[in-house]
Amino acid sequence: MEKGQVVIPPSLCRKLGIKFGDELHADVQNGNIVLSPKPKTKEKKSRKARMIQDAELGLPVLTAGEGAPTLTHERIRELLADFP
């Protein structure tokens, strides 16, 4: 736990509506850690991936727009961990 992160099973995230990147509030109650989703301050626009032409190479690339989360090998490993 060197980064202060915890892993919540995907089935539990789906049940609670928690998505990757959502912030959680942590509290201690009766010696237990209680996590709850932080209220969202503004409605996020849905991001649609689209094909664009790379400015340098001229090749088609897939983009989700500015500010989209980066898909890292750690995130791919997390996504595939619970894949049937």
N, C-alpha and C. Protein backbone atom coordinates (compact mmCIF):
# COMPACT_ATOMS: atom_id res chain seq x y z
N MET A 1 0.84 -1.19 0.00
CA MET A 1 0.00 0.00 0.00
C MET A 1 0.88 1.25 0.00
N GLU A 2 1.91 1.22 -0.83
CA GLU A 2 2.84 2.35 -0.85
C GLU A 2 2.25 3.60 -1.47
N LYS A 3 1.22 3.49 -2.32
CA LYS A 3 0.60 4.67 -2.93
C LYS A 3 -0.67 5.09 -2.21
N GLY A 4 -1.06 4.38 -1.16
CA GLY A 4 -2.29 4.72 -0.46
C GLY A 4 -3.53 4.34 -1.26
N GLN A 5 -3.41 3.30 -2.09
CA GLN A 5 -4.52 2.86 -2.91
C GLN A 5 -5.04 1.52 -2.42
N VAL A 6 -6.31 1.28 -2.65
CA VAL A 6 -6.92 -0.01 -2.35
C VAL A 6 -7.61 -0.50 -3.61
N VAL A 7 -7.78 -1.81 -3.71
CA VAL A 7 -8.47 -2.41 -4.86
C VAL A 7 -9.83 -2.92 -4.38
N ILE A 8 -10.87 -2.45 -5.04
CA ILE A 8 -12.23 -2.89 -4.73
C ILE A 8 -12.65 -3.84 -5.84
N PRO A 9 -13.14 -5.03 -5.51
CA PRO A 9 -13.53 -5.99 -6.55
C PRO A 9 -14.52 -5.37 -7.54
N PRO A 10 -14.31 -5.63 -8.84
CA PRO A 10 -15.18 -5.06 -9.87
C PRO A 10 -16.66 -5.36 -9.65
N SER A 11 -16.99 -6.54 -9.16
CA SER A 11 -18.40 -6.88 -8.93
C SER A 11 -19.02 -5.95 -7.88
N LEU A 12 -18.24 -5.59 -6.87
CA LEU A 12 -18.73 -4.66 -5.84
C LEU A 12 -18.84 -3.25 -6.40
N CYS A 13 -17.88 -2.85 -7.24
CA CYS A 13 -17.94 -1.52 -7.87
C CYS A 13 -19.20 -1.40 -8.72
N ARG A 14 -19.48 -2.45 -9.51
CA ARG A 14 -20.69 -2.41 -10.35
C ARG A 14 -21.93 -2.29 -9.49
N LYS A 15 -21.97 -3.04 -8.41
CA LYS A 15 -23.14 -3.03 -7.51
C LYS A 15 -23.36 -1.64 -6.92
N LEU A 16 -22.27 -0.93 -6.60
CA LEU A 16 -22.35 0.38 -5.97
C LEU A 16 -22.27 1.54 -6.95
N GLY A 17 -22.06 1.23 -8.24
CA GLY A 17 -21.97 2.29 -9.24
C GLY A 17 -20.69 3.09 -9.17
N ILE A 18 -19.63 2.47 -8.65
CA ILE A 18 -18.33 3.14 -8.56
C ILE A 18 -17.57 2.85 -9.84
N LYS A 19 -17.00 3.90 -10.44
CA LYS A 19 -16.25 3.75 -11.68
C LYS A 19 -14.78 4.07 -11.44
N PHE A 20 -13.93 3.57 -12.34
CA PHE A 20 -12.49 3.82 -12.24
C PHE A 20 -12.25 5.32 -12.18
N GLY A 21 -11.47 5.75 -11.22
CA GLY A 21 -11.14 7.16 -11.09
C GLY A 21 -12.05 7.92 -10.14
N ASP A 22 -13.19 7.32 -9.75
CA ASP A 22 -14.07 7.98 -8.78
C ASP A 22 -13.34 8.15 -7.45
N GLU A 23 -13.53 9.28 -6.82
CA GLU A 23 -12.92 9.50 -5.52
C GLU A 23 -13.85 8.99 -4.42
N LEU A 24 -13.23 8.44 -3.38
CA LEU A 24 -13.98 7.92 -2.24
C LEU A 24 -13.61 8.70 -0.99
N HIS A 25 -14.56 8.84 -0.10
CA HIS A 25 -14.33 9.44 1.20
C HIS A 25 -14.04 8.30 2.17
N ALA A 26 -12.98 8.41 2.96
CA ALA A 26 -12.62 7.38 3.93
C ALA A 26 -12.87 7.92 5.33
N ASP A 27 -13.46 7.06 6.17
CA ASP A 27 -13.76 7.43 7.54
C ASP A 27 -13.50 6.22 8.42
N VAL A 28 -13.26 6.44 9.69
CA VAL A 28 -13.08 5.34 10.63
C VAL A 28 -14.28 5.32 11.56
N GLN A 29 -14.97 4.18 11.61
CA GLN A 29 -16.12 4.01 12.48
C GLN A 29 -15.98 2.70 13.24
N ASN A 30 -15.93 2.78 14.55
CA ASN A 30 -15.79 1.60 15.41
C ASN A 30 -14.60 0.73 15.01
N GLY A 31 -13.48 1.36 14.68
CA GLY A 31 -12.28 0.63 14.32
C GLY A 31 -12.28 0.07 12.91
N ASN A 32 -13.28 0.39 12.10
CA ASN A 32 -13.37 -0.08 10.72
C ASN A 32 -13.19 1.09 9.77
N ILE A 33 -12.59 0.82 8.63
CA ILE A 33 -12.49 1.83 7.58
C ILE A 33 -13.76 1.77 6.76
N VAL A 34 -14.44 2.90 6.62
CA VAL A 34 -15.67 2.98 5.85
C VAL A 34 -15.42 3.89 4.65
N LEU A 35 -15.62 3.33 3.45
CA LEU A 35 -15.44 4.09 2.22
C LEU A 35 -16.80 4.41 1.63
N SER A 36 -16.95 5.64 1.14
CA SER A 36 -18.20 6.02 0.47
C SER A 36 -17.85 6.94 -0.69
N PRO A 37 -18.63 6.86 -1.78
CA PRO A 37 -18.34 7.72 -2.93
C PRO A 37 -18.47 9.19 -2.56
N LYS A 38 -17.51 10.00 -3.03
CA LYS A 38 -17.62 11.45 -2.83
C LYS A 38 -18.68 11.97 -3.78
N PRO A 39 -19.49 12.91 -3.32
CA PRO A 39 -20.49 13.48 -4.23
C PRO A 39 -19.81 14.15 -5.42
N LYS A 40 -20.38 13.97 -6.58
CA LYS A 40 -19.82 14.58 -7.78
C LYS A 40 -20.26 16.03 -7.84
N THR A 41 -19.29 16.91 -8.09
CA THR A 41 -19.57 18.34 -8.07
C THR A 41 -20.22 18.83 -9.36
N LYS A 42 -19.89 18.20 -10.47
CA LYS A 42 -20.52 18.61 -11.72
C LYS A 42 -20.73 17.37 -12.59
N GLU A 43 -21.70 17.45 -13.43
CA GLU A 43 -22.01 16.35 -14.33
C GLU A 43 -20.93 16.22 -15.39
N LYS A 44 -20.37 15.02 -15.53
CA LYS A 44 -19.35 14.80 -16.54
C LYS A 44 -20.03 14.54 -17.88
N LYS A 45 -19.46 15.12 -18.93
CA LYS A 45 -19.96 14.84 -20.26
C LYS A 45 -19.49 13.44 -20.64
N SER A 46 -20.34 12.72 -21.33
CA SER A 46 -19.91 11.40 -21.78
C SER A 46 -18.90 11.59 -22.91
N ARG A 47 -17.88 10.79 -22.88
CA ARG A 47 -16.83 10.88 -23.88
C ARG A 47 -17.07 9.80 -24.92
N LYS A 48 -17.11 10.21 -26.15
CA LYS A 48 -17.21 9.26 -27.24
C LYS A 48 -15.85 9.21 -27.92
N ALA A 49 -15.34 8.01 -28.05
CA ALA A 49 -14.08 7.86 -28.77
C ALA A 49 -14.34 8.13 -30.24
N ARG A 50 -13.37 8.72 -30.89
CA ARG A 50 -13.51 8.99 -32.31
C ARG A 50 -12.15 8.89 -32.98
N MET A 51 -12.18 8.68 -34.27
CA MET A 51 -10.96 8.59 -35.05
C MET A 51 -10.59 9.99 -35.53
N ILE A 52 -9.30 10.32 -35.38
CA ILE A 52 -8.78 11.58 -35.92
C ILE A 52 -7.49 11.27 -36.66
N GLN A 53 -6.98 12.24 -37.37
CA GLN A 53 -5.72 12.05 -38.07
C GLN A 53 -4.60 12.65 -37.23
N ASP A 54 -3.58 11.84 -36.96
CA ASP A 54 -2.43 12.31 -36.21
C ASP A 54 -1.75 13.44 -36.96
N ALA A 55 -1.52 14.57 -36.29
CA ALA A 55 -0.97 15.76 -36.94
C ALA A 55 0.44 15.53 -37.46
N GLU A 56 1.25 14.73 -36.77
CA GLU A 56 2.64 14.54 -37.18
C GLU A 56 2.79 13.45 -38.24
N LEU A 57 2.10 12.30 -38.02
CA LEU A 57 2.30 11.17 -38.91
C LEU A 57 1.26 11.06 -40.02
N GLY A 58 0.11 11.72 -39.82
CA GLY A 58 -0.95 11.63 -40.80
C GLY A 58 -1.73 10.33 -40.75
N LEU A 59 -1.49 9.53 -39.71
CA LEU A 59 -2.17 8.25 -39.56
C LEU A 59 -3.42 8.41 -38.70
N PRO A 60 -4.43 7.54 -38.90
CA PRO A 60 -5.62 7.60 -38.05
C PRO A 60 -5.30 7.10 -36.64
N VAL A 61 -5.81 7.80 -35.65
CA VAL A 61 -5.65 7.39 -34.26
C VAL A 61 -7.00 7.52 -33.56
N LEU A 62 -7.15 6.79 -32.48
CA LEU A 62 -8.36 6.83 -31.68
C LEU A 62 -8.16 7.82 -30.53
N THR A 63 -9.12 8.71 -30.30
CA THR A 63 -9.01 9.67 -29.22
C THR A 63 -10.33 9.77 -28.46
N ALA A 64 -10.24 10.09 -27.19
CA ALA A 64 -11.43 10.35 -26.38
C ALA A 64 -11.44 11.82 -25.97
N GLY A 65 -10.56 12.61 -26.54
CA GLY A 65 -10.54 14.04 -26.25
C GLY A 65 -9.57 14.42 -25.16
N GLU A 66 -9.40 15.72 -25.02
CA GLU A 66 -8.48 16.27 -24.03
C GLU A 66 -8.98 15.94 -22.62
N GLY A 67 -8.07 15.57 -21.75
CA GLY A 67 -8.43 15.27 -20.36
C GLY A 67 -8.92 13.85 -20.14
N ALA A 68 -8.96 13.05 -21.18
CA ALA A 68 -9.39 11.65 -21.03
C ALA A 68 -8.34 10.90 -20.23
N PRO A 69 -8.76 9.95 -19.39
CA PRO A 69 -7.78 9.20 -18.61
C PRO A 69 -6.88 8.37 -19.52
N THR A 70 -5.64 8.19 -19.09
CA THR A 70 -4.68 7.40 -19.85
C THR A 70 -4.87 5.93 -19.53
N LEU A 71 -4.88 5.12 -20.57
CA LEU A 71 -5.02 3.68 -20.38
C LEU A 71 -3.62 3.10 -20.21
N THR A 72 -3.28 2.74 -18.98
CA THR A 72 -1.96 2.21 -18.67
C THR A 72 -1.99 0.70 -18.63
N HIS A 73 -0.81 0.07 -18.64
CA HIS A 73 -0.79 -1.38 -18.55
C HIS A 73 -1.34 -1.86 -17.21
N GLU A 74 -1.20 -1.07 -16.14
CA GLU A 74 -1.78 -1.45 -14.85
C GLU A 74 -3.31 -1.46 -14.93
N ARG A 75 -3.88 -0.45 -15.59
CA ARG A 75 -5.33 -0.37 -15.74
C ARG A 75 -5.86 -1.51 -16.60
N ILE A 76 -5.12 -1.85 -17.66
CA ILE A 76 -5.52 -2.98 -18.51
C ILE A 76 -5.50 -4.27 -17.69
N ARG A 77 -4.48 -4.44 -16.87
CA ARG A 77 -4.38 -5.63 -16.01
C ARG A 77 -5.59 -5.68 -15.05
N GLU A 78 -5.98 -4.54 -14.47
CA GLU A 78 -7.14 -4.48 -13.58
C GLU A 78 -8.41 -4.88 -14.33
N LEU A 79 -8.58 -4.33 -15.54
CA LEU A 79 -9.78 -4.62 -16.31
C LEU A 79 -9.88 -6.09 -16.68
N LEU A 80 -8.75 -6.70 -17.00
CA LEU A 80 -8.76 -8.09 -17.42
C LEU A 80 -8.79 -9.08 -16.25
N ALA A 81 -8.48 -8.61 -15.04
CA ALA A 81 -8.42 -9.50 -13.88
C ALA A 81 -9.75 -10.18 -13.61
N ASP A 82 -10.84 -9.50 -13.82
CA ASP A 82 -12.16 -10.06 -13.54
C ASP A 82 -12.90 -10.49 -14.81
N PHE A 83 -12.17 -10.49 -15.94
CA PHE A 83 -12.81 -10.85 -17.19
C PHE A 83 -13.10 -12.34 -17.21
N PRO A 84 -14.33 -12.72 -17.57
CA PRO A 84 -14.67 -14.15 -17.54
C PRO A 84 -13.87 -15.01 -18.45
